[in-house]
């Protein structure tokens, strides 16, 4: 598996403004069971979105971050719609 990083062609002005204002910065994580945490009893806070928000808060302690998760084992995009 290869990983590619991209840079947006235009600045993320709304994100920059939210960071300067201290938030809120709302993050939507969509994916499979690894996104929402293991449904077999493993602590869901070890899933990557939670770890990402923890890292962001450590780097930017004065910014409020919100996290919404959509997904789960075997779910389709239609299943994830609110």
PDB file of N, CA and C in Angstrom:
ATOM      1  N   UNK A   1       0.846  -1.176   0.000  1.00  0.00           N
ATOM      2  CA  UNK A   1       0.000   0.000   0.000  1.00  0.00           C
ATOM      3  C   UNK A   1       0.885   1.230   0.000  1.00  0.00           C
ATOM      4  N   UNK A   2       0.577   2.162  -0.888  1.00  0.00           N
ATOM      5  CA  UNK A   2       1.321   3.408  -0.915  1.00  0.00           C
ATOM      6  C   UNK A   2       0.470   4.526  -0.325  1.00  0.00           C
ATOM      7  N   UNK A   3       1.131   5.512   0.205  1.00  0.00           N
ATOM      8  CA  UNK A   3       0.448   6.656   0.804  1.00  0.00           C
ATOM      9  C   UNK A   3       0.858   7.894   0.026  1.00  0.00           C
ATOM     10  N   UNK A   4      -0.106   8.696  -0.329  1.00  0.00           N
ATOM     11  CA  UNK A   4       0.180   9.931  -1.044  1.00  0.00           C
ATOM     12  C   UNK A   4      -0.383  11.107  -0.257  1.00  0.00           C
ATOM     13  N   UNK A   5       0.382  12.147  -0.181  1.00  0.00           N
ATOM     14  CA  UNK A   5      -0.067  13.370   0.473  1.00  0.00           C
ATOM     15  C   UNK A   5      -0.311  14.407  -0.608  1.00  0.00           C
ATOM     16  N   UNK A   6      -1.352  15.164  -0.440  1.00  0.00           N
ATOM     17  CA  UNK A   6      -1.650  16.218  -1.397  1.00  0.00           C
ATOM     18  C   UNK A   6      -1.759  17.544  -0.671  1.00  0.00           C
ATOM     19  N   UNK A   7      -1.567  18.588  -1.418  1.00  0.00           N
ATOM     20  CA  UNK A   7      -1.715  19.943  -0.905  1.00  0.00           C
ATOM     21  C   UNK A   7      -2.803  20.612  -1.726  1.00  0.00           C
ATOM     22  N   UNK A   8      -3.772  21.230  -1.065  1.00  0.00           N
ATOM     23  CA  UNK A   8      -4.836  21.884  -1.824  1.00  0.00           C
ATOM     24  C   UNK A   8      -4.270  23.011  -2.685  1.00  0.00           C
ATOM     25  N   UNK A   9      -4.892  23.217  -3.831  1.00  0.00           N
ATOM     26  CA  UNK A   9      -4.440  24.271  -4.734  1.00  0.00           C
ATOM     27  C   UNK A   9      -4.791  25.654  -4.214  1.00  0.00           C
ATOM     28  N   UNK A  10      -5.835  25.740  -3.389  1.00  0.00           N
ATOM     29  CA  UNK A  10      -6.218  27.023  -2.803  1.00  0.00           C
ATOM     30  C   UNK A  10      -6.134  26.900  -1.282  1.00  0.00           C
ATOM     31  N   UNK A  11      -5.831  27.995  -0.615  1.00  0.00           N
ATOM     32  CA  UNK A  11      -5.736  27.947   0.848  1.00  0.00           C
ATOM     33  C   UNK A  11      -7.076  27.567   1.482  1.00  0.00           C
ATOM     34  N   UNK A  12      -7.016  26.946   2.616  1.00  0.00           N
ATOM     35  CA  UNK A  12      -8.212  26.577   3.371  1.00  0.00           C
ATOM     36  C   UNK A  12      -8.554  27.735   4.310  1.00  0.00           C
ATOM     37  N   UNK A  13      -9.103  28.776   3.735  1.00  0.00           N
ATOM     38  CA  UNK A  13      -9.337  30.030   4.463  1.00  0.00           C
ATOM     39  C   UNK A  13     -10.276  29.850   5.649  1.00  0.00           C
ATOM     40  N   UNK A  14     -11.336  29.064   5.487  1.00  0.00           N
ATOM     41  CA  UNK A  14     -12.284  28.877   6.595  1.00  0.00           C
ATOM     42  C   UNK A  14     -11.630  28.116   7.744  1.00  0.00           C
ATOM     43  N   UNK A  15     -10.801  27.131   7.423  1.00  0.00           N
ATOM     44  CA  UNK A  15     -10.098  26.406   8.474  1.00  0.00           C
ATOM     45  C   UNK A  15      -9.114  27.325   9.189  1.00  0.00           C
ATOM     46  N   UNK A  16      -8.375  28.105   8.431  1.00  0.00           N
ATOM     47  CA  UNK A  16      -7.419  29.035   9.041  1.00  0.00           C
ATOM     48  C   UNK A  16      -8.124  30.015   9.966  1.00  0.00           C
ATOM     49  N   UNK A  17      -9.275  30.527   9.539  1.00  0.00           N
ATOM     50  CA  UNK A  17     -10.034  31.473  10.368  1.00  0.00           C
ATOM     51  C   UNK A  17     -10.538  30.792  11.637  1.00  0.00           C
ATOM     52  N   UNK A  18     -11.019  29.563  11.518  1.00  0.00           N
ATOM     53  CA  UNK A  18     -11.501  28.830  12.695  1.00  0.00           C
ATOM     54  C   UNK A  18     -10.366  28.559  13.670  1.00  0.00           C
ATOM     55  N   UNK A  19      -9.192  28.219  13.163  1.00  0.00           N
ATOM     56  CA  UNK A  19      -8.042  27.982  14.039  1.00  0.00           C
ATOM     57  C   UNK A  19      -7.649  29.266  14.766  1.00  0.00           C
ATOM     58  N   UNK A  20      -7.617  30.375  14.040  1.00  0.00           N
ATOM     59  CA  UNK A  20      -7.281  31.664  14.672  1.00  0.00           C
ATOM     60  C   UNK A  20      -8.293  32.045  15.740  1.00  0.00           C
ATOM     61  N   UNK A  21      -9.555  31.707  15.513  1.00  0.00           N
ATOM     62  CA  UNK A  21     -10.625  32.065  16.456  1.00  0.00           C
ATOM     63  C   UNK A  21     -10.715  31.101  17.634  1.00  0.00           C
ATOM     64  N   UNK A  22      -9.945  30.037  17.607  1.00  0.00           N
ATOM     65  CA  UNK A  22     -10.009  29.066  18.693  1.00  0.00           C
ATOM     66  C   UNK A  22     -11.072  28.002  18.476  1.00  0.00           C
ATOM     67  N   UNK A  23     -11.587  27.930  17.279  1.00  0.00           N
ATOM     68  CA  UNK A  23     -12.565  26.898  16.946  1.00  0.00           C
ATOM     69  C   UNK A  23     -13.971  27.429  16.946  1.00  0.00           C
ATOM     70  N   UNK A  24     -14.897  26.581  16.770  1.00  0.00           N
ATOM     71  CA  UNK A  24     -14.706  25.142  16.703  1.00  0.00           C
ATOM     72  C   UNK A  24     -14.249  24.689  15.315  1.00  0.00           C
ATOM     73  N   UNK A  25     -13.486  23.611  15.310  1.00  0.00           N
ATOM     74  CA  UNK A  25     -13.097  22.925  14.085  1.00  0.00           C
ATOM     75  C   UNK A  25     -13.769  21.563  14.159  1.00  0.00           C
ATOM     76  N   UNK A  26     -14.729  21.343  13.283  1.00  0.00           N
ATOM     77  CA  UNK A  26     -15.488  20.094  13.286  1.00  0.00           C
ATOM     78  C   UNK A  26     -14.921  19.142  12.252  1.00  0.00           C
ATOM     79  N   UNK A  27     -14.642  17.920  12.677  1.00  0.00           N
ATOM     80  CA  UNK A  27     -14.030  16.905  11.829  1.00  0.00           C
ATOM     81  C   UNK A  27     -15.019  15.774  11.640  1.00  0.00           C
ATOM     82  N   UNK A  28     -15.206  15.355  10.395  1.00  0.00           N
ATOM     83  CA  UNK A  28     -16.048  14.217  10.065  1.00  0.00           C
ATOM     84  C   UNK A  28     -15.141  13.097   9.605  1.00  0.00           C
ATOM     85  N   UNK A  29     -15.180  11.961  10.291  1.00  0.00           N
ATOM     86  CA  UNK A  29     -14.401  10.778   9.917  1.00  0.00           C
ATOM     87  C   UNK A  29     -15.361   9.712   9.417  1.00  0.00           C
ATOM     88  N   UNK A  30     -15.136   9.258   8.195  1.00  0.00           N
ATOM     89  CA  UNK A  30     -15.999   8.269   7.567  1.00  0.00           C
ATOM     90  C   UNK A  30     -15.155   7.050   7.236  1.00  0.00           C
ATOM     91  N   UNK A  31     -15.658   5.867   7.571  1.00  0.00           N
ATOM     92  CA  UNK A  31     -14.891   4.674   7.235  1.00  0.00           C
ATOM     93  C   UNK A  31     -15.464   3.418   7.816  1.00  0.00           C
ATOM     94  N   UNK A  32     -14.615   2.424   7.915  1.00  0.00           N
ATOM     95  CA  UNK A  32     -15.017   1.102   8.386  1.00  0.00           C
ATOM     96  C   UNK A  32     -14.855   0.997   9.898  1.00  0.00           C
ATOM     97  N   UNK A  33     -14.837  -0.216  10.369  1.00  0.00           N
ATOM     98  CA  UNK A  33     -14.728  -0.452  11.814  1.00  0.00           C
ATOM     99  C   UNK A  33     -13.458   0.154  12.405  1.00  0.00           C
ATOM    100  N   UNK A  34     -12.393   0.227  11.626  1.00  0.00           N
ATOM    101  CA  UNK A  34     -11.159   0.807  12.163  1.00  0.00           C
ATOM    102  C   UNK A  34     -11.301   2.304  12.414  1.00  0.00           C
ATOM    103  N   UNK A  35     -12.273   2.930  11.772  1.00  0.00           N
ATOM    104  CA  UNK A  35     -12.508   4.360  11.989  1.00  0.00           C
ATOM    105  C   UNK A  35     -13.274   4.600  13.280  1.00  0.00           C
ATOM    106  N   UNK A  36     -14.279   3.785  13.541  1.00  0.00           N
ATOM    107  CA  UNK A  36     -15.122   4.010  14.710  1.00  0.00           C
ATOM    108  C   UNK A  36     -14.661   3.227  15.925  1.00  0.00           C
ATOM    109  N   UNK A  37     -13.719   2.326  15.753  1.00  0.00           N
ATOM    110  CA  UNK A  37     -13.221   1.504  16.849  1.00  0.00           C
ATOM    111  C   UNK A  37     -13.773   0.097  16.757  1.00  0.00           C
ATOM    112  N   UNK A  38     -13.061  -0.807  17.303  1.00  0.00           N
ATOM    113  CA  UNK A  38     -13.430  -2.214  17.261  1.00  0.00           C
ATOM    114  C   UNK A  38     -14.715  -2.439  18.042  1.00  0.00           C
ATOM    115  N   UNK A  39     -15.685  -3.052  17.411  1.00  0.00           N
ATOM    116  CA  UNK A  39     -16.966  -3.318  18.064  1.00  0.00           C
ATOM    117  C   UNK A  39     -16.914  -4.582  18.922  1.00  0.00           C
ATOM    118  N   UNK A  40     -15.740  -5.164  19.060  1.00  0.00           N
ATOM    119  CA  UNK A  40     -15.599  -6.398  19.842  1.00  0.00           C
ATOM    120  C   UNK A  40     -15.107  -6.120  21.250  1.00  0.00           C
ATOM    121  N   UNK A  41     -15.197  -4.869  21.666  1.00  0.00           N
ATOM    122  CA  UNK A  41     -14.830  -4.553  23.045  1.00  0.00           C
ATOM    123  C   UNK A  41     -13.543  -3.773  23.197  1.00  0.00           C
ATOM    124  N   UNK A  42     -12.784  -3.615  22.126  1.00  0.00           N
ATOM    125  CA  UNK A  42     -11.569  -2.820  22.210  1.00  0.00           C
ATOM    126  C   UNK A  42     -11.947  -1.365  22.447  1.00  0.00           C
ATOM    127  N   UNK A  43     -11.160  -0.667  23.214  1.00  0.00           N
ATOM    128  CA  UNK A  43     -11.433   0.736  23.515  1.00  0.00           C
ATOM    129  C   UNK A  43     -11.512   1.536  22.220  1.00  0.00           C
ATOM    130  N   UNK A  44     -12.672   2.128  21.971  1.00  0.00           N
ATOM    131  CA  UNK A  44     -12.855   2.868  20.724  1.00  0.00           C
ATOM    132  C   UNK A  44     -11.947   4.080  20.634  1.00  0.00           C
ATOM    133  N   UNK A  45     -11.473   4.571  21.740  1.00  0.00           N
ATOM    134  CA  UNK A  45     -10.620   5.753  21.710  1.00  0.00           C
ATOM    135  C   UNK A  45      -9.208   5.457  21.217  1.00  0.00           C
ATOM    136  N   UNK A  46      -8.933   4.209  20.854  1.00  0.00           N
ATOM    137  CA  UNK A  46      -7.664   3.899  20.211  1.00  0.00           C
ATOM    138  C   UNK A  46      -7.782   4.008  18.694  1.00  0.00           C
ATOM    139  N   UNK A  47      -8.993   4.220  18.167  1.00  0.00           N
ATOM    140  CA  UNK A  47      -9.198   4.386  16.729  1.00  0.00           C
ATOM    141  C   UNK A  47      -8.553   5.689  16.271  1.00  0.00           C
ATOM    142  N   UNK A  48      -8.110   5.698  15.009  1.00  0.00           N
ATOM    143  CA  UNK A  48      -7.320   6.834  14.525  1.00  0.00           C
ATOM    144  C   UNK A  48      -8.000   8.191  14.645  1.00  0.00           C
ATOM    145  N   UNK A  49      -9.308   8.351  14.426  1.00  0.00           N
ATOM    146  CA  UNK A  49      -9.868   9.709  14.545  1.00  0.00           C
ATOM    147  C   UNK A  49      -9.705  10.293  15.945  1.00  0.00           C
ATOM    148  N   UNK A  50      -9.881   9.466  16.967  1.00  0.00           N
ATOM    149  CA  UNK A  50      -9.705   9.944  18.339  1.00  0.00           C
ATOM    150  C   UNK A  50      -8.256  10.332  18.589  1.00  0.00           C
ATOM    151  N   UNK A  51      -7.333   9.504  18.092  1.00  0.00           N
ATOM    152  CA  UNK A  51      -5.905   9.786  18.268  1.00  0.00           C
ATOM    153  C   UNK A  51      -5.526  11.065  17.528  1.00  0.00           C
ATOM    154  N   UNK A  52      -6.120  11.277  16.336  1.00  0.00           N
ATOM    155  CA  UNK A  52      -5.849  12.481  15.562  1.00  0.00           C
ATOM    156  C   UNK A  52      -6.306  13.726  16.331  1.00  0.00           C
ATOM    157  N   UNK A  53      -7.520  13.683  16.897  1.00  0.00           N
ATOM    158  CA  UNK A  53      -8.027  14.832  17.640  1.00  0.00           C
ATOM    159  C   UNK A  53      -7.166  15.082  18.882  1.00  0.00           C
ATOM    160  N   UNK A  54      -6.726  14.020  19.538  1.00  0.00           N
ATOM    161  CA  UNK A  54      -5.828  14.186  20.688  1.00  0.00           C
ATOM    162  C   UNK A  54      -4.537  14.886  20.270  1.00  0.00           C
ATOM    163  N   UNK A  55      -3.972  14.481  19.122  1.00  0.00           N
ATOM    164  CA  UNK A  55      -2.732  15.093  18.634  1.00  0.00           C
ATOM    165  C   UNK A  55      -2.962  16.557  18.252  1.00  0.00           C
ATOM    166  N   UNK A  56      -4.097  16.839  17.598  1.00  0.00           N
ATOM    167  CA  UNK A  56      -4.413  18.228  17.244  1.00  0.00           C
ATOM    168  C   UNK A  56      -4.575  19.087  18.484  1.00  0.00           C
ATOM    169  N   UNK A  57      -5.265  18.547  19.486  1.00  0.00           N
ATOM    170  CA  UNK A  57      -5.458  19.315  20.722  1.00  0.00           C
ATOM    171  C   UNK A  57      -4.124  19.542  21.435  1.00  0.00           C
ATOM    172  N   UNK A  58      -3.232  18.556  21.389  1.00  0.00           N
ATOM    173  CA  UNK A  58      -1.916  18.731  22.013  1.00  0.00           C
ATOM    174  C   UNK A  58      -1.115  19.810  21.287  1.00  0.00           C
ATOM    175  N   UNK A  59      -1.237  19.852  19.964  1.00  0.00           N
ATOM    176  CA  UNK A  59      -0.501  20.842  19.179  1.00  0.00           C
ATOM    177  C   UNK A  59      -1.146  22.218  19.240  1.00  0.00           C
ATOM    178  N   UNK A  60      -2.481  22.245  19.369  1.00  0.00           N
ATOM    179  CA  UNK A  60      -3.234  23.503  19.371  1.00  0.00           C
ATOM    180  C   UNK A  60      -4.201  23.508  20.558  1.00  0.00           C
ATOM    181  N   UNK A  61      -3.675  23.634  21.780  1.00  0.00           N
ATOM    182  CA  UNK A  61      -4.518  23.477  22.969  1.00  0.00           C
ATOM    183  C   UNK A  61      -5.621  24.516  23.119  1.00  0.00           C
ATOM    184  N   UNK A  62      -5.508  25.633  22.438  1.00  0.00           N
ATOM    185  CA  UNK A  62      -6.524  26.680  22.564  1.00  0.00           C
ATOM    186  C   UNK A  62      -7.624  26.587  21.513  1.00  0.00           C
ATOM    187  N   UNK A  63      -7.616  25.520  20.728  1.00  0.00           N
ATOM    188  CA  UNK A  63      -8.617  25.343  19.674  1.00  0.00           C
ATOM    189  C   UNK A  63      -9.563  24.212  20.073  1.00  0.00           C
ATOM    190  N   UNK A  64     -10.864  24.457  19.939  1.00  0.00           N
ATOM    191  CA  UNK A  64     -11.872  23.431  20.232  1.00  0.00           C
ATOM    192  C   UNK A  64     -12.100  22.587  18.976  1.00  0.00           C
ATOM    193  N   UNK A  65     -11.945  21.283  19.134  1.00  0.00           N
ATOM    194  CA  UNK A  65     -12.155  20.350  18.038  1.00  0.00           C
ATOM    195  C   UNK A  65     -13.357  19.475  18.345  1.00  0.00           C
ATOM    196  N   UNK A  66     -14.208  19.284  17.335  1.00  0.00           N
ATOM    197  CA  UNK A  66     -15.337  18.370  17.453  1.00  0.00           C
ATOM    198  C   UNK A  66     -15.119  17.202  16.507  1.00  0.00           C
ATOM    199  N   UNK A  67     -15.644  16.043  16.867  1.00  0.00           N
ATOM    200  CA  UNK A  67     -15.460  14.852  16.052  1.00  0.00           C
ATOM    201  C   UNK A  67     -16.787  14.141  15.864  1.00  0.00           C
ATOM    202  N   UNK A  68     -17.132  13.880  14.607  1.00  0.00           N
ATOM    203  CA  UNK A  68     -18.310  13.091  14.268  1.00  0.00           C
ATOM    204  C   UNK A  68     -17.833  11.883  13.490  1.00  0.00           C
ATOM    205  N   UNK A  69     -18.304  10.706  13.874  1.00  0.00           N
ATOM    206  CA  UNK A  69     -17.919   9.467  13.200  1.00  0.00           C
ATOM    207  C   UNK A  69     -19.092   8.896  12.435  1.00  0.00           C
ATOM    208  N   UNK A  70     -18.824   8.388  11.256  1.00  0.00           N
ATOM    209  CA  UNK A  70     -19.819   7.678  10.462  1.00  0.00           C
ATOM    210  C   UNK A  70     -19.148   6.423   9.932  1.00  0.00           C
ATOM    211  N   UNK A  71     -19.766   5.305  10.170  1.00  0.00           N
ATOM    212  CA  UNK A  71     -19.221   4.080   9.612  1.00  0.00           C
ATOM    213  C   UNK A  71     -19.293   2.917  10.572  1.00  0.00           C
ATOM    214  N   UNK A  72     -18.768   1.815  10.142  1.00  0.00           N
ATOM    215  CA  UNK A  72     -18.733   0.605  10.943  1.00  0.00           C
ATOM    216  C   UNK A  72     -18.520  -0.607  10.059  1.00  0.00           C
ATOM    217  N   UNK A  73     -18.257  -1.696  10.674  1.00  0.00           N
ATOM    218  CA  UNK A  73     -17.977  -2.929   9.951  1.00  0.00           C
ATOM    219  C   UNK A  73     -19.135  -3.273   9.001  1.00  0.00           C
ATOM    220  N   UNK A  74     -18.820  -3.426   7.713  1.00  0.00           N
ATOM    221  CA  UNK A  74     -19.787  -3.850   6.728  1.00  0.00           C
ATOM    222  C   UNK A  74     -20.785  -2.805   6.269  1.00  0.00           C
ATOM    223  N   UNK A  75     -20.622  -1.561   6.700  1.00  0.00           N
ATOM    224  CA  UNK A  75     -21.591  -0.530   6.341  1.00  0.00           C
ATOM    225  C   UNK A  75     -21.275   0.025   4.948  1.00  0.00           C
ATOM    226  N   UNK A  76     -22.323   0.413   4.233  1.00  0.00           N
ATOM    227  CA  UNK A  76     -22.166   1.074   2.939  1.00  0.00           C
ATOM    228  C   UNK A  76     -22.319   2.571   3.139  1.00  0.00           C
ATOM    229  N   UNK A  77     -22.049   3.339   2.075  1.00  0.00           N
ATOM    230  CA  UNK A  77     -22.204   4.789   2.141  1.00  0.00           C
ATOM    231  C   UNK A  77     -23.647   5.164   2.482  1.00  0.00           C
ATOM    232  N   UNK A  78     -24.598   4.435   1.934  1.00  0.00           N
ATOM    233  CA  UNK A  78     -26.014   4.714   2.226  1.00  0.00           C
ATOM    234  C   UNK A  78     -26.297   4.485   3.709  1.00  0.00           C
ATOM    235  N   UNK A  79     -25.723   3.432   4.272  1.00  0.00           N
ATOM    236  CA  UNK A  79     -25.915   3.154   5.708  1.00  0.00           C
ATOM    237  C   UNK A  79     -25.374   4.274   6.588  1.00  0.00           C
ATOM    238  N   UNK A  80     -24.367   4.985   6.098  1.00  0.00           N
ATOM    239  CA  UNK A  80     -23.707   6.017   6.909  1.00  0.00           C
ATOM    240  C   UNK A  80     -24.393   7.370   6.833  1.00  0.00           C
ATOM    241  N   UNK A  81     -25.352   7.535   5.938  1.00  0.00           N
ATOM    242  CA  UNK A  81     -26.046   8.813   5.849  1.00  0.00           C
ATOM    243  C   UNK A  81     -26.775   9.119   7.141  1.00  0.00           C
ATOM    244  N   UNK A  82     -26.738  10.392   7.552  1.00  0.00           N
ATOM    245  CA  UNK A  82     -27.432  10.745   8.808  1.00  0.00           C
ATOM    246  C   UNK A  82     -28.940  10.633   8.692  1.00  0.00           C
TER     247      UNK A  82
END
